[in-house]
Amino acid sequence: MSARKPLVFTQHAQDVVDERELDPEWIERTVRAPEWTIPDPRRPGVERRFRAIPEFGGRTLRVACYETTLNIRILTVFFDRNARRPA
């Protein structure tokens, strides 16, 4: 079994998590097992990962991250009211 890449939060992402009291488990679940992903249209290499969070009324969490061979850098995280799974 290979080791899982560590999640590394930018200061912005950590501030958002702290301010909004987001559960780190929701973020990890979204990053490691997203329901869907799309590339960020403005930032090459950045991926948006989405997952509904049942513990938060089924709202969709969006995590923007950049994955390298060493880690997954979390750039920002928030509940996205406009998120729609691509057809």
PDB file of N, CA and C in Angstrom:
ATOM      1  N   MET A   1       0.851  -1.187   0.000  1.00  0.00           N
ATOM      2  CA  MET A   1       0.000   0.000   0.000  1.00  0.00           C
ATOM      3  C   MET A   1       0.889   1.240   0.000  1.00  0.00           C
ATOM      4  N   SER A   2       0.651   2.135  -0.938  1.00  0.00           N
ATOM      5  CA  SER A   2       1.473   3.341  -1.018  1.00  0.00           C
ATOM      6  C   SER A   2       0.958   4.401  -0.047  1.00  0.00           C
ATOM      7  N   ALA A   3       1.872   5.236   0.382  1.00  0.00           N
ATOM      8  CA  ALA A   3       1.507   6.320   1.292  1.00  0.00           C
ATOM      9  C   ALA A   3       0.682   7.359   0.556  1.00  0.00           C
ATOM     10  N   ARG A   4      -0.258   7.940   1.264  1.00  0.00           N
ATOM     11  CA  ARG A   4      -1.073   8.976   0.645  1.00  0.00           C
ATOM     12  C   ARG A   4      -0.330  10.297   0.693  1.00  0.00           C
ATOM     13  N   LYS A   5      -0.500  11.059  -0.363  1.00  0.00           N
ATOM     14  CA  LYS A   5       0.142  12.372  -0.412  1.00  0.00           C
ATOM     15  C   LYS A   5      -0.449  13.262   0.674  1.00  0.00           C
ATOM     16  N   PRO A   6       0.396  13.999   1.365  1.00  0.00           N
ATOM     17  CA  PRO A   6      -0.125  14.904   2.385  1.00  0.00           C
ATOM     18  C   PRO A   6      -0.856  16.088   1.748  1.00  0.00           C
ATOM     19  N   LEU A   7      -1.844  16.592   2.470  1.00  0.00           N
ATOM     20  CA  LEU A   7      -2.537  17.809   2.061  1.00  0.00           C
ATOM     21  C   LEU A   7      -1.818  18.976   2.707  1.00  0.00           C
ATOM     22  N   VAL A   8      -1.491  19.982   1.901  1.00  0.00           N
ATOM     23  CA  VAL A   8      -0.796  21.177   2.374  1.00  0.00           C
ATOM     24  C   VAL A   8      -1.697  22.373   2.070  1.00  0.00           C
ATOM     25  N   PHE A   9      -2.081  23.088   3.117  1.00  0.00           N
ATOM     26  CA  PHE A   9      -2.993  24.215   2.962  1.00  0.00           C
ATOM     27  C   PHE A   9      -2.217  25.519   2.796  1.00  0.00           C
ATOM     28  N   THR A  10      -2.618  26.330   1.805  1.00  0.00           N
ATOM     29  CA  THR A  10      -2.072  27.679   1.715  1.00  0.00           C
ATOM     30  C   THR A  10      -2.615  28.465   2.909  1.00  0.00           C
ATOM     31  N   GLN A  11      -2.022  29.593   3.190  1.00  0.00           N
ATOM     32  CA  GLN A  11      -2.519  30.410   4.298  1.00  0.00           C
ATOM     33  C   GLN A  11      -3.964  30.831   4.048  1.00  0.00           C
ATOM     34  N   HIS A  12      -4.270  31.187   2.794  1.00  0.00           N
ATOM     35  CA  HIS A  12      -5.648  31.574   2.450  1.00  0.00           C
ATOM     36  C   HIS A  12      -6.612  30.431   2.761  1.00  0.00           C
ATOM     37  N   ALA A  13      -6.275  29.224   2.305  1.00  0.00           N
ATOM     38  CA  ALA A  13      -7.162  28.078   2.531  1.00  0.00           C
ATOM     39  C   ALA A  13      -7.333  27.810   4.022  1.00  0.00           C
ATOM     40  N   GLN A  14      -6.248  27.870   4.783  1.00  0.00           N
ATOM     41  CA  GLN A  14      -6.344  27.629   6.227  1.00  0.00           C
ATOM     42  C   GLN A  14      -7.192  28.694   6.904  1.00  0.00           C
ATOM     43  N   ASP A  15      -7.043  29.946   6.473  1.00  0.00           N
ATOM     44  CA  ASP A  15      -7.872  31.030   7.027  1.00  0.00           C
ATOM     45  C   ASP A  15      -9.349  30.769   6.770  1.00  0.00           C
ATOM     46  N   VAL A  16      -9.685  30.335   5.552  1.00  0.00           N
ATOM     47  CA  VAL A  16     -11.080  30.053   5.199  1.00  0.00           C
ATOM     48  C   VAL A  16     -11.626  28.909   6.050  1.00  0.00           C
ATOM     49  N   VAL A  17     -10.846  27.847   6.195  1.00  0.00           N
ATOM     50  CA  VAL A  17     -11.265  26.702   7.012  1.00  0.00           C
ATOM     51  C   VAL A  17     -11.536  27.155   8.442  1.00  0.00           C
ATOM     52  N   ASP A  18     -10.641  27.960   8.991  1.00  0.00           N
ATOM     53  CA  ASP A  18     -10.800  28.434  10.367  1.00  0.00           C
ATOM     54  C   ASP A  18     -12.001  29.369  10.504  1.00  0.00           C
ATOM     55  N   GLU A  19     -12.132  30.330   9.598  1.00  0.00           N
ATOM     56  CA  GLU A  19     -13.215  31.317   9.680  1.00  0.00           C
ATOM     57  C   GLU A  19     -14.586  30.671   9.535  1.00  0.00           C
ATOM     58  N   ARG A  20     -14.692  29.712   8.624  1.00  0.00           N
ATOM     59  CA  ARG A  20     -15.990  29.089   8.333  1.00  0.00           C
ATOM     60  C   ARG A  20     -16.212  27.805   9.118  1.00  0.00           C
ATOM     61  N   GLU A  21     -15.233  27.456   9.966  1.00  0.00           N
ATOM     62  CA  GLU A  21     -15.312  26.265  10.800  1.00  0.00           C
ATOM     63  C   GLU A  21     -15.649  25.022   9.979  1.00  0.00           C
ATOM     64  N   LEU A  22     -14.916  24.849   8.869  1.00  0.00           N
ATOM     65  CA  LEU A  22     -15.112  23.694   8.006  1.00  0.00           C
ATOM     66  C   LEU A  22     -14.389  22.490   8.591  1.00  0.00           C
ATOM     67  N   ASP A  23     -15.023  21.342   8.500  1.00  0.00           N
ATOM     68  CA  ASP A  23     -14.439  20.110   9.023  1.00  0.00           C
ATOM     69  C   ASP A  23     -13.343  19.637   8.063  1.00  0.00           C
ATOM     70  N   PRO A  24     -12.110  19.483   8.535  1.00  0.00           N
ATOM     71  CA  PRO A  24     -11.024  19.026   7.661  1.00  0.00           C
ATOM     72  C   PRO A  24     -11.307  17.679   7.000  1.00  0.00           C
ATOM     73  N   GLU A  25     -12.120  16.842   7.642  1.00  0.00           N
ATOM     74  CA  GLU A  25     -12.487  15.551   7.053  1.00  0.00           C
ATOM     75  C   GLU A  25     -13.283  15.752   5.757  1.00  0.00           C
ATOM     76  N   TRP A  26     -14.139  16.781   5.707  1.00  0.00           N
ATOM     77  CA  TRP A  26     -14.906  17.064   4.488  1.00  0.00           C
ATOM     78  C   TRP A  26     -13.950  17.416   3.347  1.00  0.00           C
ATOM     79  N   ILE A  27     -12.927  18.184   3.672  1.00  0.00           N
ATOM     80  CA  ILE A  27     -11.957  18.602   2.655  1.00  0.00           C
ATOM     81  C   ILE A  27     -11.171  17.392   2.168  1.00  0.00           C
ATOM     82  N   GLU A  28     -10.710  16.589   3.092  1.00  0.00           N
ATOM     83  CA  GLU A  28      -9.940  15.404   2.707  1.00  0.00           C
ATOM     84  C   GLU A  28     -10.785  14.468   1.845  1.00  0.00           C
ATOM     85  N   ARG A  29     -12.034  14.252   2.239  1.00  0.00           N
ATOM     86  CA  ARG A  29     -12.928  13.388   1.473  1.00  0.00           C
ATOM     87  C   ARG A  29     -13.137  13.934   0.057  1.00  0.00           C
ATOM     88  N   THR A  30     -13.302  15.236  -0.047  1.00  0.00           N
ATOM     89  CA  THR A  30     -13.514  15.867  -1.351  1.00  0.00           C
ATOM     90  C   THR A  30     -12.275  15.762  -2.227  1.00  0.00           C
ATOM     91  N   VAL A  31     -11.108  15.993  -1.653  1.00  0.00           N
ATOM     92  CA  VAL A  31      -9.862  15.934  -2.414  1.00  0.00           C
ATOM     93  C   VAL A  31      -9.541  14.511  -2.854  1.00  0.00           C
ATOM     94  N   ARG A  32      -9.687  13.560  -1.956  1.00  0.00           N
ATOM     95  CA  ARG A  32      -9.267  12.184  -2.244  1.00  0.00           C
ATOM     96  C   ARG A  32     -10.316  11.363  -2.989  1.00  0.00           C
ATOM     97  N   ALA A  33     -11.592  11.731  -2.856  1.00  0.00           N
ATOM     98  CA  ALA A  33     -12.663  10.974  -3.523  1.00  0.00           C
ATOM     99  C   ALA A  33     -13.745  11.923  -4.032  1.00  0.00           C
ATOM    100  N   PRO A  34     -13.394  12.817  -4.966  1.00  0.00           N
ATOM    101  CA  PRO A  34     -14.385  13.767  -5.471  1.00  0.00           C
ATOM    102  C   PRO A  34     -15.471  13.063  -6.276  1.00  0.00           C
ATOM    103  N   GLU A  35     -16.656  13.666  -6.278  1.00  0.00           N
ATOM    104  CA  GLU A  35     -17.736  13.148  -7.114  1.00  0.00           C
ATOM    105  C   GLU A  35     -17.521  13.560  -8.563  1.00  0.00           C
ATOM    106  N   TRP A  36     -16.886  14.732  -8.756  1.00  0.00           N
ATOM    107  CA  TRP A  36     -16.474  15.150 -10.088  1.00  0.00           C
ATOM    108  C   TRP A  36     -15.396  16.209  -9.981  1.00  0.00           C
ATOM    109  N   THR A  37     -14.664  16.382 -11.064  1.00  0.00           N
ATOM    110  CA  THR A  37     -13.579  17.368 -11.118  1.00  0.00           C
ATOM    111  C   THR A  37     -13.644  18.117 -12.438  1.00  0.00           C
ATOM    112  N   ILE A  38     -13.134  19.338 -12.411  1.00  0.00           N
ATOM    113  CA  ILE A  38     -12.966  20.119 -13.643  1.00  0.00           C
ATOM    114  C   ILE A  38     -11.673  20.921 -13.509  1.00  0.00           C
ATOM    115  N   PRO A  39     -11.001  21.174 -14.619  1.00  0.00           N
ATOM    116  CA  PRO A  39      -9.808  22.027 -14.535  1.00  0.00           C
ATOM    117  C   PRO A  39     -10.231  23.475 -14.281  1.00  0.00           C
ATOM    118  N   ASP A  40      -9.405  24.197 -13.559  1.00  0.00           N
ATOM    119  CA  ASP A  40      -9.666  25.618 -13.326  1.00  0.00           C
ATOM    120  C   ASP A  40      -9.392  26.352 -14.633  1.00  0.00           C
ATOM    121  N   PRO A  41     -10.349  27.115 -15.147  1.00  0.00           N
ATOM    122  CA  PRO A  41     -10.164  27.772 -16.443  1.00  0.00           C
ATOM    123  C   PRO A  41      -9.128  28.893 -16.455  1.00  0.00           C
ATOM    124  N   ARG A  42      -8.774  29.420 -15.277  1.00  0.00           N
ATOM    125  CA  ARG A  42      -7.844  30.546 -15.222  1.00  0.00           C
ATOM    126  C   ARG A  42      -6.460  30.192 -14.696  1.00  0.00           C
ATOM    127  N   ARG A  43      -6.324  29.018 -14.099  1.00  0.00           N
ATOM    128  CA  ARG A  43      -5.039  28.645 -13.500  1.00  0.00           C
ATOM    129  C   ARG A  43      -4.610  27.266 -13.991  1.00  0.00           C
ATOM    130  N   PRO A  44      -3.661  27.220 -14.930  1.00  0.00           N
ATOM    131  CA  PRO A  44      -3.196  25.928 -15.447  1.00  0.00           C
ATOM    132  C   PRO A  44      -2.657  25.033 -14.325  1.00  0.00           C
ATOM    133  N   GLY A  45      -3.032  23.773 -14.371  1.00  0.00           N
ATOM    134  CA  GLY A  45      -2.567  22.815 -13.381  1.00  0.00           C
ATOM    135  C   GLY A  45      -3.440  22.725 -12.143  1.00  0.00           C
ATOM    136  N   VAL A  46      -4.334  23.696 -11.961  1.00  0.00           N
ATOM    137  CA  VAL A  46      -5.215  23.688 -10.792  1.00  0.00           C
ATOM    138  C   VAL A  46      -6.494  22.940 -11.154  1.00  0.00           C
ATOM    139  N   GLU A  47      -6.932  22.106 -10.234  1.00  0.00           N
ATOM    140  CA  GLU A  47      -8.143  21.327 -10.453  1.00  0.00           C
ATOM    141  C   GLU A  47      -9.172  21.680  -9.390  1.00  0.00           C
ATOM    142  N   ARG A  48     -10.420  21.769  -9.810  1.00  0.00           N
ATOM    143  CA  ARG A  48     -11.526  21.982  -8.882  1.00  0.00           C
ATOM    144  C   ARG A  48     -12.152  20.618  -8.615  1.00  0.00           C
ATOM    145  N   ARG A  49     -12.251  20.233  -7.347  1.00  0.00           N
ATOM    146  CA  ARG A  49     -12.824  18.948  -6.967  1.00  0.00           C
ATOM    147  C   ARG A  49     -14.084  19.200  -6.141  1.00  0.00           C
ATOM    148  N   PHE A  50     -15.126  18.463  -6.452  1.00  0.00           N
ATOM    149  CA  PHE A  50     -16.444  18.702  -5.869  1.00  0.00           C
ATOM    150  C   PHE A  50     -16.983  17.444  -5.199  1.00  0.00           C
ATOM    151  N   ARG A  51     -17.734  17.659  -4.106  1.00  0.00           N
ATOM    152  CA  ARG A  51     -18.388  16.551  -3.427  1.00  0.00           C
ATOM    153  C   ARG A  51     -19.505  17.095  -2.551  1.00  0.00           C
ATOM    154  N   ALA A  52     -20.665  16.440  -2.598  1.00  0.00           N
ATOM    155  CA  ALA A  52     -21.767  16.796  -1.706  1.00  0.00           C
ATOM    156  C   ALA A  52     -21.415  16.321  -0.301  1.00  0.00           C
ATOM    157  N   ILE A  53     -21.719  17.150   0.685  1.00  0.00           N
ATOM    158  CA  ILE A  53     -21.422  16.833   2.086  1.00  0.00           C
ATOM    159  C   ILE A  53     -22.748  16.609   2.818  1.00  0.00           C
ATOM    160  N   PRO A  54     -23.116  15.336   3.049  1.00  0.00           N
ATOM    161  CA  PRO A  54     -24.401  15.050   3.699  1.00  0.00           C
ATOM    162  C   PRO A  54     -24.542  15.713   5.066  1.00  0.00           C
ATOM    163  N   GLU A  55     -23.428  15.808   5.809  1.00  0.00           N
ATOM    164  CA  GLU A  55     -23.473  16.412   7.143  1.00  0.00           C
ATOM    165  C   GLU A  55     -23.738  17.917   7.104  1.00  0.00           C
ATOM    166  N   PHE A  56     -23.698  18.498   5.910  1.00  0.00           N
ATOM    167  CA  PHE A  56     -23.945  19.932   5.770  1.00  0.00           C
ATOM    168  C   PHE A  56     -25.125  20.149   4.815  1.00  0.00           C
ATOM    169  N   GLY A  57     -26.137  19.328   4.982  1.00  0.00           N
ATOM    170  CA  GLY A  57     -27.363  19.480   4.207  1.00  0.00           C
ATOM    171  C   GLY A  57     -27.218  19.110   2.738  1.00  0.00           C
ATOM    172  N   GLY A  58     -26.188  18.333   2.414  1.00  0.00           N
ATOM    173  CA  GLY A  58     -25.992  17.924   1.024  1.00  0.00           C
ATOM    174  C   GLY A  58     -25.402  18.999   0.134  1.00  0.00           C
ATOM    175  N   ARG A  59     -24.985  20.113   0.733  1.00  0.00           N
ATOM    176  CA  ARG A  59     -24.382  21.186  -0.078  1.00  0.00           C
ATOM    177  C   ARG A  59     -23.061  20.710  -0.666  1.00  0.00           C
ATOM    178  N   THR A  60     -22.696  21.307  -1.792  1.00  0.00           N
ATOM    179  CA  THR A  60     -21.510  20.879  -2.535  1.00  0.00           C
ATOM    180  C   THR A  60     -20.284  21.680  -2.129  1.00  0.00           C
ATOM    181  N   LEU A  61     -19.269  20.947  -1.675  1.00  0.00           N
ATOM    182  CA  LEU A  61     -17.997  21.561  -1.312  1.00  0.00           C
ATOM    183  C   LEU A  61     -17.101  21.590  -2.542  1.00  0.00           C
ATOM    184  N   ARG A  62     -16.473  22.712  -2.780  1.00  0.00           N
ATOM    185  CA  ARG A  62     -15.525  22.857  -3.888  1.00  0.00           C
ATOM    186  C   ARG A  62     -14.151  23.126  -3.304  1.00  0.00           C
ATOM    187  N   VAL A  63     -13.177  22.320  -3.732  1.00  0.00           N
ATOM    188  CA  VAL A  63     -11.799  22.481  -3.282  1.00  0.00           C
ATOM    189  C   VAL A  63     -10.933  22.694  -4.517  1.00  0.00           C
ATOM    190  N   ALA A  64     -10.252  23.828  -4.567  1.00  0.00           N
ATOM    191  CA  ALA A  64      -9.289  24.085  -5.642  1.00  0.00           C
ATOM    192  C   ALA A  64      -7.936  23.635  -5.134  1.00  0.00           C
ATOM    193  N   CYS A  65      -7.286  22.758  -5.916  1.00  0.00           N
ATOM    194  CA  CYS A  65      -6.011  22.224  -5.461  1.00  0.00           C
ATOM    195  C   CYS A  65      -5.051  22.011  -6.623  1.00  0.00           C
ATOM    196  N   TYR A  66      -3.791  21.890  -6.252  1.00  0.00           N
ATOM    197  CA  TYR A  66      -2.710  21.668  -7.210  1.00  0.00           C
ATOM    198  C   TYR A  66      -1.939  20.461  -6.713  1.00  0.00           C
ATOM    199  N   GLU A  67      -1.949  19.382  -7.505  1.00  0.00           N
ATOM    200  CA  GLU A  67      -1.305  18.146  -7.083  1.00  0.00           C
ATOM    201  C   GLU A  67       0.072  18.017  -7.708  1.00  0.00           C
ATOM    202  N   THR A  68       1.054  17.693  -6.870  1.00  0.00           N
ATOM    203  CA  THR A  68       2.415  17.435  -7.340  1.00  0.00           C
ATOM    204  C   THR A  68       2.766  15.992  -6.990  1.00  0.00           C
ATOM    205  N   THR A  69       3.973  15.586  -7.307  1.00  0.00           N
ATOM    206  CA  THR A  69       4.392  14.230  -6.958  1.00  0.00           C
ATOM    207  C   THR A  69       4.557  14.063  -5.447  1.00  0.00           C
ATOM    208  N   LEU A  70       4.725  15.170  -4.723  1.00  0.00           N
ATOM    209  CA  LEU A  70       4.969  15.110  -3.280  1.00  0.00           C
ATOM    210  C   LEU A  70       3.746  15.361  -2.410  1.00  0.00           C
ATOM    211  N   ASN A  71       2.844  16.254  -2.867  1.00  0.00           N
ATOM    212  CA  ASN A  71       1.716  16.617  -2.022  1.00  0.00           C
ATOM    213  C   ASN A  71       0.554  17.151  -2.857  1.00  0.00           C
ATOM    214  N   ILE A  72      -0.516  17.472  -2.161  1.00  0.00           N
ATOM    215  CA  ILE A  72      -1.679  18.127  -2.767  1.00  0.00           C
ATOM    216  C   ILE A  72      -1.834  19.451  -2.039  1.00  0.00           C
ATOM    217  N   ARG A  73      -1.633  20.532  -2.760  1.00  0.00           N
ATOM    218  CA  ARG A  73      -1.714  21.868  -2.166  1.00  0.00           C
ATOM    219  C   ARG A  73      -3.151  22.375  -2.295  1.00  0.00           C
ATOM    220  N   ILE A  74      -3.767  22.675  -1.160  1.00  0.00           N
ATOM    221  CA  ILE A  74      -5.130  23.190  -1.122  1.00  0.00           C
ATOM    222  C   ILE A  74      -5.060  24.707  -1.239  1.00  0.00           C
ATOM    223  N   LEU A  75      -5.657  25.246  -2.302  1.00  0.00           N
ATOM    224  CA  LEU A  75      -5.588  26.684  -2.556  1.00  0.00           C
ATOM    225  C   LEU A  75      -6.766  27.434  -1.946  1.00  0.00           C
ATOM    226  N   THR A  76      -7.960  26.866  -2.086  1.00  0.00           N
ATOM    227  CA  THR A  76      -9.148  27.471  -1.488  1.00  0.00           C
ATOM    228  C   THR A  76     -10.218  26.413  -1.365  1.00  0.00           C
ATOM    229  N   VAL A  77     -11.183  26.677  -0.506  1.00  0.00           N
ATOM    230  CA  VAL A  77     -12.273  25.736  -0.263  1.00  0.00           C
ATOM    231  C   VAL A  77     -13.513  26.517   0.147  1.00  0.00           C
ATOM    232  N   PHE A  78     -14.649  26.133  -0.405  1.00  0.00           N
ATOM    233  CA  PHE A  78     -15.913  26.774  -0.023  1.00  0.00           C
ATOM    234  C   PHE A  78     -17.090  25.960  -0.538  1.00  0.00           C
ATOM    235  N   PHE A  79     -18.264  26.209   0.040  1.00  0.00           N
ATOM    236  CA  PHE A  79     -19.479  25.584  -0.461  1.00  0.00           C
ATOM    237  C   PHE A  79     -19.945  26.391  -1.656  1.00  0.00           C
ATOM    238  N   ASP A  80     -20.092  25.708  -2.784  1.00  0.00           N
ATOM    239  CA  ASP A  80     -20.413  26.352  -4.059  1.00  0.00           C
ATOM    240  C   ASP A  80     -21.887  26.151  -4.384  1.00  0.00           C
ATOM    241  N   ARG A  81     -22.663  27.201  -4.192  1.00  0.00           N
ATOM    242  CA  ARG A  81     -24.110  27.125  -4.444  1.00  0.00           C
ATOM    243  C   ARG A  81     -24.436  26.880  -5.913  1.00  0.00           C
ATOM    244  N   ASN A  82     -23.545  27.267  -6.807  1.00  0.00           N
ATOM    245  CA  ASN A  82     -23.798  27.155  -8.241  1.00  0.00           C
ATOM    246  C   ASN A  82     -23.179  25.913  -8.884  1.00  0.00           C
ATOM    247  N   ALA A  83     -22.571  25.048  -8.085  1.00  0.00           N
ATOM    248  CA  ALA A  83     -21.912  23.860  -8.633  1.00  0.00           C
ATOM    249  C   ALA A  83     -22.923  22.913  -9.245  1.00  0.00           C
ATOM    250  N   ARG A  84     -22.649  22.502 -10.463  1.00  0.00           N
ATOM    251  CA  ARG A  84     -23.500  21.534 -11.162  1.00  0.00           C
ATOM    252  C   ARG A  84     -22.592  20.503 -11.801  1.00  0.00           C
ATOM    253  N   ARG A  85     -22.926  19.245 -11.583  1.00  0.00           N
ATOM    254  CA  ARG A  85     -22.155  18.152 -12.165  1.00  0.00           C
ATOM    255  C   ARG A  85     -22.240  18.261 -13.697  1.00  0.00           C
ATOM    256  N   PRO A  86     -21.078  18.164 -14.376  1.00  0.00           N
ATOM    257  CA  PRO A  86     -21.103  18.231 -15.844  1.00  0.00           C
ATOM    258  C   PRO A  86     -21.922  17.073 -16.428  1.00  0.00           C
ATOM    259  N   ALA A  87     -22.577  17.368 -17.522  1.00  0.00           N
ATOM    260  CA  ALA A  87     -23.414  16.338 -18.178  1.00  0.00           C
ATOM    261  C   ALA A  87     -22.570  15.315 -18.901  1.00  0.00           C
TER     262      ALA A  87
END
